[in-house]
Amino acid sequence: MDINFELYKVFYHTAKNESFSYAAQKLHVSQSAVSQSIKNLEDKLNTQLIFRKTREIKLTPEGEILFKHIEQAYNFIKSAENKILQWQTLERGEIRIGVSDTICKYYLVPHIQKFISKFPKVKIHVVNRTSQQIQDILKEGLIDFGIVTLPVDDKVLDVSEFITVKDIFVASDKFHNLKNKKISIEELLKYPLLMLDKSTSTRRNVDSILLKKGLNILPEIELESIDLLLEFAKIGLGIALVLKESASDIIKNDQLFEVQLNEEVSLRKLGIITIRNVPLSRASLEFIHSYKK
C-alpha cells in the first residue's frame, strides 16, 4: 500500500492532541487541509480513523491501533534526528582509526588526549596494524581512516600527506668509538644492526634506499617492536634503527646516542588514507582537521 508519509504526519499530530486546529497550527496549514488529509488517509485505508463528538474528536478503535504504531515510528524518527544532530555537534560520535603502535604512541596519543578533553562524548577506537594491514582493514570497512607510511598506490583509496618523520640509528656506549663522528653507510653495515621486521614499511623504506646504492643489509636481530629494539640497543646487542621521537628521552638521559651518518637513510612521509567517495562522519573530519593543524 503506497501512502504518502505526510498523511500519517497529519494524522499523528491530530490524534496526539485530539485537535484539528492544533495539527493545522503545528504543520502551518489550514484546518480544512488537515481534515482533507485525514479523509484521504481513511479512504486509502478503507476505514474510519476519527469521529467528531461535539467540538471534540475521538479515535475509532482502528484509529487507536494506527496511532500506537505511528507514535512509535514518529518517536524513532525524532530519536534518529536527535542522534544525527548530536553527531553533527560532536555531542556524540565514534571514530575508528588504524595506525601502527609506534606512530600511535609518539604522534597520535597526545592528539587523542586533546581531542577527548574537547569532545568527551566522542568514542575513539584505535586498531594497531602495519601500514599494509591498515589499508586492508580500511577497505573492509573496519576503520574510518588510517595513518600509514607513504607511498600508497591504491585507486580505491584517497591519500593525504601530512607529516615527515625520521628514523635514526642509536647505540650504547659499547660502540663509543662512533660517538661525535660521522660515518658512511658502508661502515655502519660492518656493525651488528637491530632492525624492524621486513614486513614493516620502515624496514622496506631503508632496504629500498640501500638497494639503490647496491648495498644489502643483514640485521643481527629483527623485531616487530621499536620499544624492544631500544631495549636491546641499551644492553649493547647492536645498533638499532628507530623512530627519532621514540629515542629522544633515552638519548637525553645518555642511555643511548645517535650514530651520525654522512647522509640521510630514512626519512618517511606519513599520510592519512580514506576510502574514495565514502564520506566521513563529522567526528572523523574534525579529528583529522585538528590533527593536521
Protein backbone atom coordinates (compact mmCIF):
# COMPACT_ATOMS: atom_id res chain seq x y z
CA MET A 1 0.00 0.00 0.00
CA ASP A 2 1.56 3.27 -1.15
CA ILE A 3 0.54 6.07 1.21
CA ASN A 4 2.16 9.49 1.38
CA PHE A 5 4.05 9.84 4.66
CA GLU A 6 2.67 13.37 5.04
CA LEU A 7 -0.81 11.91 5.60
CA TYR A 8 0.50 9.91 8.54
CA LYS A 9 2.22 13.02 9.85
CA VAL A 10 -1.05 14.95 9.80
CA PHE A 11 -2.85 12.05 11.46
CA TYR A 12 -0.20 11.83 14.20
CA HIS A 13 -0.44 15.48 15.22
CA THR A 14 -4.24 15.42 15.02
CA ALA A 15 -4.58 12.25 17.08
CA LYS A 16 -1.86 13.20 19.56
CA ASN A 17 -3.76 16.29 20.68
CA GLU A 18 -7.23 15.31 19.52
CA SER A 19 -7.44 18.59 17.66
CA PHE A 20 -7.67 19.63 14.01
CA SER A 21 -6.70 23.18 14.94
CA TYR A 22 -3.57 22.08 16.81
CA ALA A 23 -2.44 19.96 13.86
CA ALA A 24 -3.10 22.86 11.49
CA GLN A 25 -1.08 25.23 13.67
CA LYS A 26 1.76 22.72 14.11
CA LEU A 27 2.00 21.96 10.40
CA HIS A 28 1.33 25.54 9.21
CA VAL A 29 -1.70 24.57 7.11
CA SER A 30 -5.43 25.28 7.28
CA GLN A 31 -7.87 23.19 9.30
CA SER A 32 -9.65 22.23 6.12
CA ALA A 33 -6.34 20.91 4.73
CA VAL A 34 -5.92 18.80 7.87
CA SER A 35 -9.47 17.49 7.59
CA GLN A 36 -8.95 16.64 3.91
CA SER A 37 -5.69 14.81 4.65
CA ILE A 38 -7.41 12.67 7.31
CA LYS A 39 -10.20 11.92 4.84
CA ASN A 40 -7.64 10.89 2.18
CA LEU A 41 -5.89 8.60 4.67
CA GLU A 42 -9.20 7.00 5.67
CA ASP A 43 -10.08 6.44 2.02
CA LYS A 44 -6.73 4.79 1.32
CA LEU A 45 -7.02 2.56 4.40
CA ASN A 46 -10.70 1.99 3.74
CA THR A 47 -11.61 2.59 7.38
CA GLN A 48 -12.73 5.40 9.68
CA LEU A 49 -9.98 6.67 11.96
CA ILE A 50 -11.55 9.70 13.64
CA PHE A 51 -15.09 10.72 14.58
CA ARG A 52 -16.34 14.04 15.86
CA LYS A 53 -18.03 14.37 19.25
CA THR A 54 -19.49 17.87 19.57
CA ARG A 55 -16.38 20.07 19.38
CA GLU A 56 -14.02 17.25 20.25
CA ILE A 57 -12.61 14.49 18.09
CA LYS A 58 -12.03 10.90 19.12
CA LEU A 59 -10.16 7.99 17.62
CA THR A 60 -12.01 4.92 16.47
CA PRO A 61 -10.61 1.52 17.56
CA GLU A 62 -8.88 1.38 14.16
CA GLY A 63 -7.56 4.88 14.76
CA GLU A 64 -6.21 3.87 18.17
CA ILE A 65 -4.31 0.93 16.62
CA LEU A 66 -2.86 3.10 13.88
CA PHE A 67 -1.88 5.85 16.31
CA LYS A 68 0.07 3.47 18.57
CA HIS A 69 2.17 2.37 15.59
CA ILE A 70 2.53 5.86 14.14
CA GLU A 71 3.55 7.28 17.52
CA GLN A 72 6.26 4.64 17.86
CA ALA A 73 7.55 5.32 14.35
CA TYR A 74 7.47 9.08 14.97
CA ASN A 75 9.49 8.66 18.18
CA PHE A 76 12.07 6.56 16.33
CA ILE A 77 12.38 9.23 13.66
CA LYS A 78 12.78 12.02 16.22
CA SER A 79 15.37 9.93 18.08
CA ALA A 80 17.30 9.45 14.84
CA GLU A 81 17.15 13.17 14.11
CA ASN A 82 18.44 13.97 17.60
CA LYS A 83 21.28 11.49 17.26
CA ILE A 84 22.27 12.96 13.90
CA LEU A 85 22.24 16.42 15.47
CA GLN A 86 24.40 15.17 18.33
CA TRP A 87 26.87 13.66 15.86
CA GLN A 88 26.96 16.91 13.91
CA THR A 89 27.61 18.94 17.05
CA LEU A 90 30.04 16.29 18.35
CA GLU A 91 27.96 15.71 21.46
CA ARG A 92 28.24 12.11 20.36
CA GLY A 93 30.16 10.21 17.73
CA GLU A 94 32.60 7.44 17.06
CA ILE A 95 36.00 7.38 15.37
CA ARG A 96 37.82 4.22 14.29
CA ILE A 97 41.50 4.75 13.46
CA GLY A 98 44.07 2.34 12.07
CA VAL A 99 47.69 3.13 12.97
CA SER A 100 50.96 1.40 13.85
CA ASP A 101 51.98 1.04 17.51
CA THR A 102 54.91 3.44 17.23
CA ILE A 103 53.13 6.21 15.35
CA CYS A 104 50.21 5.86 17.73
CA LYS A 105 52.41 6.17 20.81
CA TYR A 106 54.52 9.12 19.71
CA TYR A 107 52.24 11.06 17.36
CA LEU A 108 48.62 10.07 17.97
CA VAL A 109 48.19 9.64 21.73
CA PRO A 110 48.90 13.32 22.56
CA HIS A 111 46.31 14.42 20.00
CA ILE A 112 43.74 11.91 21.24
CA GLN A 113 44.13 13.35 24.73
CA LYS A 114 43.47 16.88 23.47
CA PHE A 115 40.54 15.77 21.31
CA ILE A 116 38.82 13.84 24.12
CA SER A 117 39.20 16.76 26.51
CA LYS A 118 37.36 18.91 23.96
CA PHE A 119 34.79 16.30 22.87
CA PRO A 120 34.47 13.88 25.82
CA LYS A 121 31.43 12.02 24.47
CA VAL A 122 33.08 11.01 21.19
CA LYS A 123 34.31 7.42 21.36
CA ILE A 124 37.70 6.69 19.78
CA HIS A 125 38.74 3.17 18.80
CA VAL A 126 42.35 2.56 17.75
CA VAL A 127 43.36 -0.53 15.78
CA ASN A 128 47.10 -1.28 15.69
CA ARG A 129 48.35 -2.78 12.42
CA THR A 130 51.14 -2.40 9.87
CA SER A 131 50.64 0.07 7.02
CA GLN A 132 49.62 -2.69 4.59
CA GLN A 133 47.23 -4.26 7.09
CA ILE A 134 45.67 -0.84 7.72
CA GLN A 135 44.94 -0.49 4.02
CA ASP A 136 43.29 -3.92 4.03
CA ILE A 137 41.02 -3.34 7.05
CA LEU A 138 40.10 0.12 5.76
CA LYS A 139 38.78 -1.45 2.56
CA GLU A 140 36.88 -3.98 4.66
CA GLY A 141 35.12 -1.12 6.46
CA LEU A 142 36.61 -1.94 9.86
CA ILE A 143 38.08 1.56 10.36
CA ASP A 144 37.14 5.05 9.20
CA PHE A 145 40.65 6.12 8.23
CA GLY A 146 44.24 5.05 8.63
CA ILE A 147 47.60 6.69 9.28
CA VAL A 148 50.28 4.96 7.23
CA THR A 149 53.73 5.31 5.77
CA LEU A 150 53.69 6.54 2.18
CA PRO A 151 53.68 5.85 -0.69
CA VAL A 152 50.30 4.15 -1.05
CA ASP A 153 49.30 3.09 -4.53
CA ASP A 154 45.68 2.00 -4.47
CA LYS A 155 42.98 3.52 -6.68
CA VAL A 156 40.31 2.74 -4.10
CA LEU A 157 41.97 5.00 -1.52
CA ASP A 158 42.40 8.73 -1.13
CA VAL A 159 45.76 9.73 0.34
CA SER A 160 46.58 12.95 2.16
CA GLU A 161 50.23 13.56 3.07
CA PHE A 162 50.67 15.46 6.31
CA ILE A 163 53.99 14.86 8.10
CA THR A 164 57.58 13.70 7.59
CA VAL A 165 59.23 11.54 10.25
CA LYS A 166 62.85 10.50 10.64
CA ASP A 167 64.38 7.18 11.63
CA ILE A 168 67.83 7.24 13.24
CA PHE A 169 70.46 4.73 14.31
CA VAL A 170 71.16 4.63 18.03
CA ALA A 171 73.80 2.80 20.04
CA SER A 172 75.00 2.31 23.60
CA ASP A 173 78.46 3.19 24.95
CA LYS A 174 79.62 -0.25 23.84
CA PHE A 175 80.08 1.48 20.48
CA HIS A 176 81.63 4.64 21.96
CA ASN A 177 84.13 4.79 19.10
CA LEU A 178 81.25 6.04 16.91
CA LYS A 179 80.39 8.97 19.17
CA ASN A 180 80.76 12.51 17.83
CA LYS A 181 81.80 11.41 14.36
CA LYS A 182 80.11 10.84 11.05
CA ILE A 183 80.41 7.54 9.28
CA SER A 184 79.36 6.19 5.92
CA ILE A 185 76.55 3.72 5.43
CA GLU A 186 79.11 1.20 4.24
CA GLU A 187 80.99 1.46 7.53
CA LEU A 188 77.75 1.22 9.53
CA LEU A 189 76.92 -2.10 7.84
CA LYS A 190 80.03 -3.64 9.44
CA TYR A 191 78.38 -3.42 12.86
CA PRO A 192 75.60 -5.65 14.28
CA LEU A 193 72.32 -3.99 13.39
CA LEU A 194 68.94 -4.22 15.11
CA MET A 195 66.01 -3.51 12.82
CA LEU A 196 62.31 -3.97 12.38
CA ASP A 197 60.94 -6.95 10.52
CA LYS A 198 60.98 -6.90 6.71
CA SER A 199 57.18 -6.71 6.63
CA THR A 200 57.20 -3.20 8.10
CA SER A 201 57.13 -0.09 5.93
CA THR A 202 60.06 1.38 7.91
CA ARG A 203 62.28 -1.55 7.03
CA ARG A 204 61.17 -1.62 3.40
CA ASN A 205 61.95 2.07 3.13
CA VAL A 206 65.52 1.59 4.35
CA ASP A 207 66.05 -1.54 2.25
CA SER A 208 64.97 0.27 -0.91
CA ILE A 209 67.37 3.16 -0.24
CA LEU A 210 70.28 0.79 0.33
CA LEU A 211 69.45 -1.32 -2.72
CA LYS A 212 69.70 1.79 -4.89
CA LYS A 213 73.25 2.11 -3.60
CA GLY A 214 73.94 -1.55 -4.33
CA LEU A 215 74.03 -2.39 -0.63
CA ASN A 216 72.32 -5.24 1.15
CA ILE A 217 71.54 -5.20 4.85
CA LEU A 218 71.66 -8.29 7.07
CA PRO A 219 70.48 -7.35 10.58
CA GLU A 220 71.74 -9.20 13.62
CA ILE A 221 68.24 -9.13 15.10
CA GLU A 222 64.83 -8.39 13.55
CA LEU A 223 61.87 -7.45 15.74
CA GLU A 224 58.32 -6.12 15.37
CA SER A 225 58.61 -3.56 18.17
CA ILE A 226 60.67 -0.37 18.28
CA ASP A 227 60.46 -0.39 22.08
CA LEU A 228 62.21 -3.77 22.11
CA LEU A 229 64.83 -2.51 19.64
CA LEU A 230 65.60 0.29 22.06
CA GLU A 231 65.90 -2.11 24.99
CA PHE A 232 68.23 -4.40 23.04
CA ALA A 233 70.32 -1.41 21.97
CA LYS A 234 70.63 -0.26 25.57
CA ILE A 235 72.24 -3.57 26.60
CA GLY A 236 74.67 -3.37 23.71
CA LEU A 237 73.35 -6.09 21.38
CA GLY A 238 73.75 -3.82 18.38
CA ILE A 239 72.94 -0.52 16.69
CA ALA A 240 69.19 -0.02 16.32
CA LEU A 241 67.19 1.82 13.68
CA VAL A 242 64.28 3.53 15.45
CA LEU A 243 61.89 6.44 15.11
CA LYS A 244 63.71 9.57 16.27
CA GLU A 245 60.92 10.60 18.66
CA SER A 246 60.98 7.18 20.32
CA ALA A 247 64.62 7.63 21.36
CA SER A 248 64.68 11.32 22.27
CA ASP A 249 64.29 10.89 26.04
CA ILE A 250 66.68 7.94 26.13
CA ILE A 251 69.31 9.99 24.30
CA LYS A 252 68.80 12.92 26.69
CA ASN A 253 69.39 10.55 29.60
CA ASP A 254 72.66 9.38 27.98
CA GLN A 255 71.48 5.78 27.78
CA LEU A 256 71.98 5.84 24.01
CA PHE A 257 73.48 8.19 21.45
CA GLU A 258 72.62 8.85 17.84
CA VAL A 259 75.03 7.41 15.30
CA GLN A 260 75.68 10.19 12.81
CA LEU A 261 75.76 9.27 9.11
CA ASN A 262 77.16 11.15 6.15
CA GLU A 263 73.73 11.04 4.51
CA GLU A 264 70.07 10.53 5.42
CA VAL A 265 68.97 6.93 5.32
CA SER A 266 65.37 7.05 6.46
CA LEU A 267 63.03 9.99 6.04
CA ARG A 268 59.44 8.80 5.83
CA LYS A 269 56.25 10.59 4.91
CA LEU A 270 53.08 9.72 6.78
CA GLY A 271 49.67 10.08 5.22
CA ILE A 272 46.01 9.74 6.13
CA ILE A 273 44.12 7.28 3.95
CA THR A 274 40.36 7.05 3.44
CA ILE A 275 38.06 5.18 1.09
CA ARG A 276 37.48 7.23 -2.05
CA ASN A 277 33.97 8.68 -2.42
CA VAL A 278 32.91 7.48 1.04
CA PRO A 279 32.07 10.46 3.30
CA LEU A 280 33.49 10.58 6.81
CA SER A 281 31.50 11.36 9.94
CA ARG A 282 31.67 14.84 11.41
CA ALA A 283 33.74 13.46 14.30
CA SER A 284 36.32 11.90 11.97
CA LEU A 285 36.55 15.06 9.86
CA GLU A 286 37.07 17.20 12.96
CA PHE A 287 39.71 14.82 14.29
CA ILE A 288 41.66 14.80 11.02
CA HIS A 289 41.41 18.58 10.61
CA SER A 290 42.67 19.29 14.12
CA TYR A 291 45.35 16.58 13.82
CA LYS A 292 46.79 18.12 10.68
CA LYS A 293 46.93 21.52 12.40
